[in-house]
Amino acid sequence: MLNIVLFGPPGAGKGTQSDKLISKYDLQHISTGDLFRKHLGEGTDLGKLAQKFMDEGNLVPDEVVIGMVDEKIKAHPNVKGFIFDGFPRTVKQAEALDELMNKKNTPITIMLALEVPDEELKKRLVSRGATSGRADDQDINKIENRIQVYKSETIPVADYYKQQNKFVGVNGVGAINEIFEALSKEIDAKA
């Protein structure tokens, strides 16, 4: 089974590349943002538990997030693999994900990190904000903060996967298909 952790800062092109990788490798997409919206919208037990923490102004505990991920994995027993989009965000989440996947005898294969210079990210996000209407893509201060939060959160996660020889950085600047080919080359080498 092919299990990919796809990482990159806001504006790196994760959504675009994720769609292409899902299509090529027949993977199931797991985005914690999507999972939160689903569970909150459906009022599931996990959603109610997450809502309780959010209402109190607290982060949703890793156990709840991992529970949502586990449920999603169980719902797709016959897939060729999973692509984790923007998750795990902390070393603790990475350890919990490894534990979960190892219990299922299907460990993480590779962590791919799209690497894009900050100035390029800012240009992309401002451009996206002009067409998407997303408020967080229209304020340069918010954009800079999101980039800094990404860096502070993910450097330890990248180091975690480097220690397992699963981390691969890929240049996220260039034509979409060139970046996709570079990602595919790395996946094919690990798979």
N, C-alpha and C. Protein backbone atom coordinates (compact mmCIF):
# COMPACT_ATOMS: atom_id res chain seq x y z
N MET A 1 0.85 -1.18 0.00
CA MET A 1 0.00 0.00 0.00
C MET A 1 0.89 1.24 0.00
N LEU A 2 0.49 2.25 -0.72
CA LEU A 2 1.23 3.50 -0.84
C LEU A 2 0.58 4.55 0.04
N ASN A 3 1.33 5.04 1.04
CA ASN A 3 0.82 6.05 1.96
C ASN A 3 1.74 7.26 1.94
N ILE A 4 1.20 8.40 1.51
CA ILE A 4 1.99 9.61 1.30
C ILE A 4 1.53 10.70 2.25
N VAL A 5 2.49 11.35 2.89
CA VAL A 5 2.22 12.58 3.63
C VAL A 5 2.67 13.71 2.71
N LEU A 6 1.73 14.55 2.27
CA LEU A 6 2.04 15.68 1.39
C LEU A 6 2.05 16.96 2.21
N PHE A 7 3.19 17.62 2.19
CA PHE A 7 3.36 18.82 3.00
C PHE A 7 3.78 19.99 2.14
N GLY A 8 3.57 21.15 2.67
CA GLY A 8 4.01 22.38 2.02
C GLY A 8 3.31 23.54 2.67
N PRO A 9 3.92 24.70 2.61
CA PRO A 9 3.31 25.88 3.21
C PRO A 9 2.07 26.31 2.45
N PRO A 10 1.28 27.21 3.02
CA PRO A 10 0.12 27.73 2.31
C PRO A 10 0.56 28.32 0.96
N GLY A 11 -0.11 27.93 -0.10
CA GLY A 11 0.22 28.45 -1.42
C GLY A 11 1.26 27.64 -2.18
N ALA A 12 1.71 26.52 -1.60
CA ALA A 12 2.75 25.72 -2.25
C ALA A 12 2.22 24.89 -3.41
N GLY A 13 0.90 24.69 -3.47
CA GLY A 13 0.33 23.89 -4.55
C GLY A 13 -0.09 22.49 -4.12
N LYS A 14 -0.27 22.29 -2.82
CA LYS A 14 -0.65 20.96 -2.32
C LYS A 14 -1.95 20.48 -2.94
N GLY A 15 -2.95 21.34 -3.00
CA GLY A 15 -4.25 20.93 -3.54
C GLY A 15 -4.15 20.49 -4.99
N THR A 16 -3.45 21.26 -5.79
CA THR A 16 -3.27 20.94 -7.21
C THR A 16 -2.54 19.62 -7.37
N GLN A 17 -1.42 19.48 -6.67
CA GLN A 17 -0.61 18.27 -6.81
C GLN A 17 -1.30 17.05 -6.19
N SER A 18 -2.00 17.27 -5.09
CA SER A 18 -2.73 16.18 -4.44
C SER A 18 -3.74 15.57 -5.40
N ASP A 19 -4.50 16.41 -6.09
CA ASP A 19 -5.49 15.90 -7.06
C ASP A 19 -4.83 15.05 -8.13
N LYS A 20 -3.69 15.48 -8.63
CA LYS A 20 -2.99 14.76 -9.70
C LYS A 20 -2.44 13.42 -9.17
N LEU A 21 -1.91 13.43 -7.96
CA LEU A 21 -1.36 12.20 -7.37
C LEU A 21 -2.46 11.19 -7.06
N ILE A 22 -3.59 11.69 -6.57
CA ILE A 22 -4.74 10.82 -6.28
C ILE A 22 -5.17 10.12 -7.56
N SER A 23 -5.24 10.86 -8.63
CA SER A 23 -5.66 10.30 -9.91
C SER A 23 -4.66 9.27 -10.44
N LYS A 24 -3.39 9.61 -10.40
CA LYS A 24 -2.36 8.71 -10.96
C LYS A 24 -2.21 7.42 -10.15
N TYR A 25 -2.21 7.54 -8.83
CA TYR A 25 -1.92 6.39 -7.97
C TYR A 25 -3.17 5.77 -7.34
N ASP A 26 -4.33 6.28 -7.66
CA ASP A 26 -5.60 5.77 -7.14
C ASP A 26 -5.61 5.74 -5.60
N LEU A 27 -5.35 6.90 -5.02
CA LEU A 27 -5.26 7.04 -3.57
C LEU A 27 -6.52 7.67 -2.99
N GLN A 28 -6.74 7.44 -1.72
CA GLN A 28 -7.83 8.07 -0.97
C GLN A 28 -7.27 9.30 -0.27
N HIS A 29 -7.91 10.44 -0.45
CA HIS A 29 -7.47 11.71 0.13
C HIS A 29 -7.94 11.83 1.57
N ILE A 30 -7.02 12.18 2.46
CA ILE A 30 -7.39 12.45 3.85
C ILE A 30 -6.88 13.83 4.21
N SER A 31 -7.82 14.74 4.42
CA SER A 31 -7.53 16.10 4.84
C SER A 31 -8.23 16.31 6.17
N THR A 32 -7.47 16.71 7.18
CA THR A 32 -8.10 16.88 8.49
C THR A 32 -9.13 18.01 8.46
N GLY A 33 -8.91 19.02 7.62
CA GLY A 33 -9.91 20.08 7.49
C GLY A 33 -11.24 19.53 7.00
N ASP A 34 -11.17 18.66 5.97
CA ASP A 34 -12.38 18.01 5.45
C ASP A 34 -13.03 17.15 6.52
N LEU A 35 -12.20 16.42 7.28
CA LEU A 35 -12.74 15.54 8.32
C LEU A 35 -13.45 16.35 9.41
N PHE A 36 -12.85 17.47 9.81
CA PHE A 36 -13.50 18.32 10.81
C PHE A 36 -14.85 18.80 10.31
N ARG A 37 -14.88 19.32 9.08
CA ARG A 37 -16.15 19.83 8.53
C ARG A 37 -17.20 18.73 8.47
N LYS A 38 -16.80 17.53 8.07
CA LYS A 38 -17.73 16.40 7.97
C LYS A 38 -18.30 16.06 9.36
N HIS A 39 -17.43 15.84 10.33
CA HIS A 39 -17.87 15.43 11.66
C HIS A 39 -18.68 16.51 12.36
N LEU A 40 -18.27 17.77 12.21
CA LEU A 40 -19.04 18.86 12.82
C LEU A 40 -20.40 18.99 12.15
N GLY A 41 -20.40 18.91 10.82
CA GLY A 41 -21.64 19.05 10.06
C GLY A 41 -22.64 17.94 10.33
N GLU A 42 -22.12 16.71 10.52
CA GLU A 42 -23.00 15.56 10.75
C GLU A 42 -23.32 15.36 12.23
N GLY A 43 -22.64 16.13 13.08
CA GLY A 43 -22.91 16.01 14.51
C GLY A 43 -22.53 14.66 15.10
N THR A 44 -21.45 14.05 14.58
CA THR A 44 -21.01 12.75 15.09
C THR A 44 -20.47 12.91 16.51
N ASP A 45 -20.25 11.78 17.19
CA ASP A 45 -19.68 11.84 18.54
C ASP A 45 -18.32 12.53 18.52
N LEU A 46 -17.47 12.18 17.53
CA LEU A 46 -16.16 12.83 17.43
C LEU A 46 -16.32 14.31 17.12
N GLY A 47 -17.29 14.65 16.28
CA GLY A 47 -17.56 16.05 15.95
C GLY A 47 -18.00 16.83 17.18
N LYS A 48 -18.87 16.24 17.99
CA LYS A 48 -19.34 16.91 19.21
C LYS A 48 -18.19 17.11 20.20
N LEU A 49 -17.32 16.10 20.27
CA LEU A 49 -16.17 16.20 21.17
C LEU A 49 -15.23 17.31 20.68
N ALA A 50 -14.98 17.34 19.38
CA ALA A 50 -14.13 18.39 18.80
C ALA A 50 -14.75 19.77 19.05
N GLN A 51 -16.05 19.88 18.85
CA GLN A 51 -16.75 21.16 19.02
C GLN A 51 -16.62 21.66 20.45
N LYS A 52 -16.69 20.73 21.41
CA LYS A 52 -16.57 21.09 22.82
C LYS A 52 -15.23 21.78 23.07
N PHE A 53 -14.14 21.22 22.54
CA PHE A 53 -12.82 21.82 22.73
C PHE A 53 -12.73 23.17 22.02
N MET A 54 -13.25 23.24 20.80
CA MET A 54 -13.19 24.48 20.03
C MET A 54 -14.01 25.58 20.69
N ASP A 55 -15.17 25.22 21.24
CA ASP A 55 -16.02 26.20 21.93
C ASP A 55 -15.31 26.80 23.14
N GLU A 56 -14.44 26.01 23.74
CA GLU A 56 -13.69 26.47 24.91
C GLU A 56 -12.43 27.23 24.49
N GLY A 57 -12.21 27.34 23.16
CA GLY A 57 -11.03 28.04 22.65
C GLY A 57 -9.77 27.22 22.68
N ASN A 58 -9.92 25.91 22.80
CA ASN A 58 -8.77 25.02 22.86
C ASN A 58 -8.57 24.28 21.55
N LEU A 59 -7.33 23.82 21.33
CA LEU A 59 -7.06 22.97 20.19
C LEU A 59 -7.72 21.61 20.41
N VAL A 60 -8.15 21.00 19.32
CA VAL A 60 -8.73 19.67 19.42
C VAL A 60 -7.58 18.70 19.71
N PRO A 61 -7.71 17.87 20.75
CA PRO A 61 -6.62 16.95 21.10
C PRO A 61 -6.29 15.97 19.97
N ASP A 62 -5.03 15.58 19.94
CA ASP A 62 -4.55 14.67 18.90
C ASP A 62 -5.36 13.37 18.85
N GLU A 63 -5.80 12.88 20.03
CA GLU A 63 -6.54 11.62 20.06
C GLU A 63 -7.83 11.74 19.25
N VAL A 64 -8.46 12.90 19.32
CA VAL A 64 -9.72 13.10 18.59
C VAL A 64 -9.43 13.16 17.08
N VAL A 65 -8.37 13.89 16.71
CA VAL A 65 -7.99 13.99 15.30
C VAL A 65 -7.63 12.61 14.75
N ILE A 66 -6.83 11.87 15.49
CA ILE A 66 -6.44 10.52 15.06
C ILE A 66 -7.66 9.61 14.97
N GLY A 67 -8.62 9.79 15.88
CA GLY A 67 -9.86 9.01 15.81
C GLY A 67 -10.60 9.25 14.51
N MET A 68 -10.64 10.51 14.07
CA MET A 68 -11.29 10.84 12.80
C MET A 68 -10.53 10.22 11.62
N VAL A 69 -9.20 10.28 11.68
CA VAL A 69 -8.38 9.69 10.62
C VAL A 69 -8.59 8.18 10.57
N ASP A 70 -8.58 7.54 11.73
CA ASP A 70 -8.78 6.09 11.81
C ASP A 70 -10.13 5.70 11.21
N GLU A 71 -11.16 6.46 11.54
CA GLU A 71 -12.50 6.17 11.02
C GLU A 71 -12.52 6.27 9.48
N LYS A 72 -11.84 7.28 8.95
CA LYS A 72 -11.77 7.47 7.49
C LYS A 72 -11.04 6.29 6.83
N ILE A 73 -9.96 5.86 7.44
CA ILE A 73 -9.19 4.73 6.90
C ILE A 73 -10.04 3.46 6.91
N LYS A 74 -10.73 3.22 8.01
CA LYS A 74 -11.58 2.04 8.12
C LYS A 74 -12.70 2.05 7.09
N ALA A 75 -13.15 3.24 6.70
CA ALA A 75 -14.24 3.36 5.72
C ALA A 75 -13.79 3.02 4.30
N HIS A 76 -12.48 2.88 4.10
CA HIS A 76 -11.94 2.61 2.75
C HIS A 76 -10.93 1.46 2.83
N PRO A 77 -11.41 0.23 3.11
CA PRO A 77 -10.49 -0.89 3.32
C PRO A 77 -9.81 -1.41 2.05
N ASN A 78 -10.34 -1.11 0.90
CA ASN A 78 -9.80 -1.71 -0.33
C ASN A 78 -9.07 -0.73 -1.23
N VAL A 79 -8.58 0.38 -0.67
CA VAL A 79 -7.87 1.36 -1.49
C VAL A 79 -6.41 0.95 -1.67
N LYS A 80 -5.76 1.58 -2.65
CA LYS A 80 -4.35 1.30 -2.92
C LYS A 80 -3.43 2.09 -1.99
N GLY A 81 -4.01 3.05 -1.29
CA GLY A 81 -3.22 3.84 -0.37
C GLY A 81 -3.91 5.14 -0.03
N PHE A 82 -3.24 5.94 0.79
CA PHE A 82 -3.80 7.20 1.26
C PHE A 82 -2.81 8.33 1.02
N ILE A 83 -3.34 9.52 0.79
CA ILE A 83 -2.51 10.71 0.76
C ILE A 83 -3.02 11.62 1.88
N PHE A 84 -2.14 11.90 2.81
CA PHE A 84 -2.46 12.74 3.96
C PHE A 84 -2.05 14.17 3.61
N ASP A 85 -3.03 15.05 3.57
CA ASP A 85 -2.84 16.41 3.10
C ASP A 85 -2.76 17.36 4.30
N GLY A 86 -1.54 17.85 4.58
CA GLY A 86 -1.36 18.79 5.68
C GLY A 86 -1.47 18.15 7.05
N PHE A 87 -1.30 16.87 7.13
CA PHE A 87 -1.36 16.13 8.39
C PHE A 87 -0.34 15.01 8.31
N PRO A 88 0.38 14.75 9.35
CA PRO A 88 0.35 15.31 10.71
C PRO A 88 1.04 16.68 10.77
N ARG A 89 0.61 17.48 11.74
CA ARG A 89 1.17 18.83 11.90
C ARG A 89 2.17 18.92 13.06
N THR A 90 2.17 17.92 13.92
CA THR A 90 3.10 17.91 15.06
C THR A 90 3.76 16.54 15.13
N VAL A 91 4.87 16.48 15.84
CA VAL A 91 5.57 15.19 16.01
C VAL A 91 4.66 14.20 16.73
N LYS A 92 3.92 14.69 17.73
CA LYS A 92 3.01 13.80 18.45
C LYS A 92 1.98 13.19 17.49
N GLN A 93 1.45 14.01 16.57
CA GLN A 93 0.51 13.48 15.58
C GLN A 93 1.20 12.49 14.64
N ALA A 94 2.44 12.78 14.27
CA ALA A 94 3.19 11.87 13.39
C ALA A 94 3.40 10.52 14.08
N GLU A 95 3.75 10.55 15.34
CA GLU A 95 3.94 9.32 16.10
C GLU A 95 2.63 8.53 16.20
N ALA A 96 1.54 9.25 16.46
CA ALA A 96 0.23 8.59 16.56
C ALA A 96 -0.19 8.02 15.21
N LEU A 97 0.07 8.75 14.12
CA LEU A 97 -0.25 8.24 12.79
C LEU A 97 0.58 7.01 12.47
N ASP A 98 1.86 7.04 12.79
CA ASP A 98 2.71 5.86 12.58
C ASP A 98 2.18 4.65 13.33
N GLU A 99 1.82 4.88 14.59
CA GLU A 99 1.29 3.78 15.41
C GLU A 99 0.02 3.20 14.78
N LEU A 100 -0.87 4.08 14.34
CA LEU A 100 -2.12 3.67 13.71
C LEU A 100 -1.85 2.88 12.43
N MET A 101 -1.00 3.40 11.57
CA MET A 101 -0.73 2.77 10.28
C MET A 101 0.05 1.46 10.46
N ASN A 102 0.96 1.41 11.42
CA ASN A 102 1.72 0.19 11.67
C ASN A 102 0.82 -0.92 12.19
N LYS A 103 -0.19 -0.57 13.00
CA LYS A 103 -1.15 -1.57 13.47
C LYS A 103 -1.90 -2.19 12.29
N LYS A 104 -2.07 -1.41 11.24
CA LYS A 104 -2.78 -1.88 10.05
C LYS A 104 -1.81 -2.50 9.03
N ASN A 105 -0.54 -2.64 9.43
CA ASN A 105 0.51 -3.18 8.57
C ASN A 105 0.65 -2.43 7.26
N THR A 106 0.49 -1.12 7.31
CA THR A 106 0.61 -0.28 6.13
C THR A 106 1.24 1.07 6.52
N PRO A 107 2.57 1.06 6.78
CA PRO A 107 3.23 2.28 7.26
C PRO A 107 3.27 3.40 6.22
N ILE A 108 3.61 4.59 6.71
CA ILE A 108 3.81 5.73 5.81
C ILE A 108 4.99 5.39 4.89
N THR A 109 4.79 5.60 3.60
CA THR A 109 5.81 5.30 2.60
C THR A 109 6.80 6.45 2.45
N ILE A 110 6.25 7.67 2.35
CA ILE A 110 7.09 8.83 2.05
C ILE A 110 6.40 10.11 2.52
N MET A 111 7.21 11.08 2.93
CA MET A 111 6.71 12.43 3.19
C MET A 111 7.31 13.32 2.12
N LEU A 112 6.43 13.90 1.30
CA LEU A 112 6.85 14.82 0.25
C LEU A 112 6.55 16.24 0.69
N ALA A 113 7.56 17.09 0.67
CA ALA A 113 7.39 18.48 1.08
C ALA A 113 7.64 19.39 -0.12
N LEU A 114 6.62 20.12 -0.52
CA LEU A 114 6.77 21.10 -1.59
C LEU A 114 7.50 22.32 -1.02
N GLU A 115 8.65 22.64 -1.60
CA GLU A 115 9.47 23.73 -1.11
C GLU A 115 9.35 24.93 -2.05
N VAL A 116 8.87 26.05 -1.50
CA VAL A 116 8.63 27.26 -2.28
C VAL A 116 9.13 28.45 -1.46
N PRO A 117 9.92 29.35 -2.06
CA PRO A 117 10.39 30.53 -1.33
C PRO A 117 9.23 31.40 -0.83
N ASP A 118 9.45 32.05 0.31
CA ASP A 118 8.40 32.86 0.93
C ASP A 118 7.82 33.91 -0.01
N GLU A 119 8.67 34.61 -0.76
CA GLU A 119 8.17 35.67 -1.64
C GLU A 119 7.23 35.10 -2.70
N GLU A 120 7.54 33.92 -3.21
CA GLU A 120 6.67 33.27 -4.20
C GLU A 120 5.34 32.87 -3.56
N LEU A 121 5.41 32.37 -2.33
CA LEU A 121 4.18 32.00 -1.61
C LEU A 121 3.27 33.21 -1.45
N LYS A 122 3.86 34.32 -1.04
CA LYS A 122 3.08 35.55 -0.83
C LYS A 122 2.40 35.97 -2.13
N LYS A 123 3.15 35.94 -3.25
CA LYS A 123 2.57 36.32 -4.54
C LYS A 123 1.41 35.40 -4.91
N ARG A 124 1.61 34.10 -4.72
CA ARG A 124 0.56 33.12 -5.06
C ARG A 124 -0.69 33.33 -4.21
N LEU A 125 -0.49 33.54 -2.92
CA LEU A 125 -1.63 33.68 -2.02
C LEU A 125 -2.40 34.96 -2.27
N VAL A 126 -1.70 36.06 -2.50
CA VAL A 126 -2.38 37.32 -2.81
C VAL A 126 -3.17 37.17 -4.11
N SER A 127 -2.57 36.51 -5.09
CA SER A 127 -3.25 36.27 -6.37
C SER A 127 -4.48 35.39 -6.16
N ARG A 128 -4.33 34.33 -5.37
CA ARG A 128 -5.46 33.45 -5.08
C ARG A 128 -6.55 34.20 -4.32
N GLY A 129 -6.14 35.05 -3.40
CA GLY A 129 -7.10 35.83 -2.63
C GLY A 129 -7.94 36.76 -3.50
N ALA A 130 -7.33 37.27 -4.56
CA ALA A 130 -8.04 38.18 -5.46
C ALA A 130 -9.15 37.46 -6.22
N THR A 131 -8.98 36.16 -6.46
CA THR A 131 -9.99 35.41 -7.23
C THR A 131 -10.89 34.55 -6.36
N SER A 132 -10.37 34.09 -5.19
CA SER A 132 -11.15 33.16 -4.37
C SER A 132 -12.06 33.86 -3.37
N GLY A 133 -11.69 35.07 -3.01
CA GLY A 133 -12.46 35.76 -1.98
C GLY A 133 -12.08 35.36 -0.57
N ARG A 134 -11.09 34.45 -0.43
CA ARG A 134 -10.66 34.03 0.90
C ARG A 134 -9.98 35.18 1.63
N ALA A 135 -10.52 35.57 2.76
CA ALA A 135 -9.99 36.71 3.52
C ALA A 135 -8.56 36.45 3.98
N ASP A 136 -8.23 35.19 4.33
CA ASP A 136 -6.89 34.89 4.83
C ASP A 136 -5.83 34.95 3.73
N ASP A 137 -6.25 35.03 2.46
CA ASP A 137 -5.32 35.16 1.34
C ASP A 137 -5.22 36.60 0.85
N GLN A 138 -5.90 37.53 1.52
CA GLN A 138 -5.90 38.91 1.05
C GLN A 138 -5.12 39.85 1.97
N ASP A 139 -4.77 39.39 3.15
CA ASP A 139 -4.08 40.22 4.13
C ASP A 139 -2.63 39.73 4.25
N ILE A 140 -1.67 40.56 3.83
CA ILE A 140 -0.27 40.14 3.81
C ILE A 140 0.24 39.78 5.21
N ASN A 141 -0.26 40.46 6.25
CA ASN A 141 0.16 40.12 7.61
C ASN A 141 -0.32 38.72 8.00
N LYS A 142 -1.55 38.39 7.63
CA LYS A 142 -2.07 37.04 7.91
C LYS A 142 -1.30 35.99 7.11
N ILE A 143 -0.98 36.32 5.87
CA ILE A 143 -0.21 35.41 5.02
C ILE A 143 1.15 35.13 5.65
N GLU A 144 1.84 36.20 6.05
CA GLU A 144 3.17 36.03 6.66
C GLU A 144 3.08 35.21 7.95
N ASN A 145 2.03 35.45 8.74
CA ASN A 145 1.85 34.69 9.97
C ASN A 145 1.62 33.20 9.66
N ARG A 146 0.78 32.91 8.67
CA ARG A 146 0.51 31.51 8.30
C ARG A 146 1.79 30.80 7.86
N ILE A 147 2.63 31.51 7.12
CA ILE A 147 3.89 30.92 6.66
C ILE A 147 4.79 30.63 7.87
N GLN A 148 4.87 31.57 8.81
CA GLN A 148 5.71 31.38 10.00
C GLN A 148 5.18 30.24 10.88
N VAL A 149 3.86 30.16 11.05
CA VAL A 149 3.27 29.07 11.83
C VAL A 149 3.58 27.74 11.16
N TYR A 150 3.46 27.68 9.84
CA TYR A 150 3.79 26.46 9.11
C TYR A 150 5.23 26.05 9.40
N LYS A 151 6.14 27.00 9.30
CA LYS A 151 7.56 26.68 9.51
C LYS A 151 7.81 26.18 10.93
N SER A 152 7.25 26.86 11.91
CA SER A 152 7.52 26.46 13.30
C SER A 152 6.88 25.11 13.63
N GLU A 153 5.72 24.82 13.03
CA GLU A 153 5.05 23.55 13.31
C GLU A 153 5.69 22.39 12.56
N THR A 154 6.09 22.63 11.32
CA THR A 154 6.45 21.49 10.47
C THR A 154 7.92 21.12 10.47
N ILE A 155 8.80 22.02 10.85
CA ILE A 155 10.22 21.65 10.87
C ILE A 155 10.45 20.42 11.75
N PRO A 156 9.86 20.35 12.96
CA PRO A 156 10.04 19.14 13.77
C PRO A 156 9.43 17.89 13.10
N VAL A 157 8.31 18.04 12.39
CA VAL A 157 7.69 16.89 11.72
C VAL A 157 8.58 16.43 10.57
N ALA A 158 9.14 17.37 9.83
CA ALA A 158 10.06 17.01 8.75
C ALA A 158 11.26 16.26 9.31
N ASP A 159 11.80 16.75 10.44
CA ASP A 159 12.93 16.08 11.08
C ASP A 159 12.56 14.66 11.51
N TYR A 160 11.35 14.50 12.00
CA TYR A 160 10.87 13.18 12.41
C TYR A 160 10.91 12.19 11.23
N TYR A 161 10.43 12.63 10.08
CA TYR A 161 10.44 11.75 8.90
C TYR A 161 11.84 11.61 8.30
N LYS A 162 12.68 12.63 8.46
CA LYS A 162 14.08 12.52 7.99
C LYS A 162 14.79 11.40 8.75
N GLN A 163 14.52 11.29 10.06
CA GLN A 163 15.14 10.25 10.86
C GLN A 163 14.75 8.85 10.39
N GLN A 164 13.61 8.75 9.72
CA GLN A 164 13.14 7.46 9.19
C GLN A 164 13.50 7.29 7.71
N ASN A 165 14.24 8.24 7.16
CA ASN A 165 14.59 8.24 5.73
C ASN A 165 13.35 8.24 4.83
N LYS A 166 12.31 8.95 5.27
CA LYS A 166 11.07 9.02 4.49
C LYS A 166 10.80 10.43 3.96
N PHE A 167 11.58 11.41 4.38
CA PHE A 167 11.36 12.80 3.97
C PHE A 167 12.04 13.08 2.64
N VAL A 168 11.30 13.72 1.73
CA VAL A 168 11.87 14.17 0.47
C VAL A 168 11.34 15.58 0.18
N GLY A 169 12.24 16.52 0.03
CA GLY A 169 11.86 17.87 -0.37
C GLY A 169 11.84 17.95 -1.89
N VAL A 170 10.82 18.60 -2.43
CA VAL A 170 10.68 18.75 -3.89
C VAL A 170 10.46 20.22 -4.20
N ASN A 171 11.17 20.71 -5.21
CA ASN A 171 11.02 22.10 -5.63
C ASN A 171 9.59 22.33 -6.10
N GLY A 172 8.90 23.25 -5.43
CA GLY A 172 7.51 23.53 -5.75
C GLY A 172 7.33 24.73 -6.67
N VAL A 173 8.41 25.16 -7.32
CA VAL A 173 8.34 26.28 -8.26
C VAL A 173 8.58 25.74 -9.66
N GLY A 174 7.71 26.13 -10.59
CA GLY A 174 7.83 25.69 -11.97
C GLY A 174 6.47 25.34 -12.52
N ALA A 175 6.47 24.70 -13.68
CA ALA A 175 5.21 24.29 -14.30
C ALA A 175 4.57 23.18 -13.47
N ILE A 176 3.25 23.19 -13.40
CA ILE A 176 2.52 22.19 -12.61
C ILE A 176 2.93 20.78 -12.98
N ASN A 177 3.02 20.49 -14.27
CA ASN A 177 3.37 19.13 -14.69
C ASN A 177 4.81 18.76 -14.36
N GLU A 178 5.71 19.74 -14.38
CA GLU A 178 7.11 19.47 -14.00
C GLU A 178 7.19 19.08 -12.53
N ILE A 179 6.46 19.81 -11.70
CA ILE A 179 6.45 19.52 -10.27
C ILE A 179 5.82 18.14 -10.03
N PHE A 180 4.73 17.87 -10.75
CA PHE A 180 4.06 16.57 -10.64
C PHE A 180 5.00 15.43 -11.03
N GLU A 181 5.75 15.61 -12.10
CA GLU A 181 6.71 14.58 -12.53
C GLU A 181 7.79 14.37 -11.48
N ALA A 182 8.26 15.45 -10.86
CA ALA A 182 9.27 15.33 -9.81
C ALA A 182 8.71 14.57 -8.60
N LEU A 183 7.48 14.87 -8.22
CA LEU A 183 6.83 14.14 -7.12
C LEU A 183 6.67 12.67 -7.46
N SER A 184 6.19 12.39 -8.68
CA SER A 184 5.97 11.01 -9.12
C SER A 184 7.28 10.22 -9.12
N LYS A 185 8.35 10.86 -9.56
CA LYS A 185 9.67 10.20 -9.59
C LYS A 185 10.08 9.76 -8.18
N GLU A 186 9.86 10.64 -7.20
CA GLU A 186 10.21 10.31 -5.82
C GLU A 186 9.33 9.20 -5.27
N ILE A 187 8.05 9.24 -5.59
CA ILE A 187 7.13 8.19 -5.13
C ILE A 187 7.52 6.85 -5.74
N ASP A 188 7.76 6.83 -7.04
CA ASP A 188 8.12 5.59 -7.74
C ASP A 188 9.41 5.00 -7.19
N ALA A 189 10.35 5.86 -6.78
CA ALA A 189 11.62 5.38 -6.22
C ALA A 189 11.42 4.73 -4.85
N LYS A 190 10.43 5.21 -4.09
CA LYS A 190 10.17 4.68 -2.73
C LYS A 190 9.21 3.49 -2.73
N ALA A 191 8.32 3.46 -3.72
CA ALA A 191 7.25 2.45 -3.70
C ALA A 191 7.74 1.06 -4.06
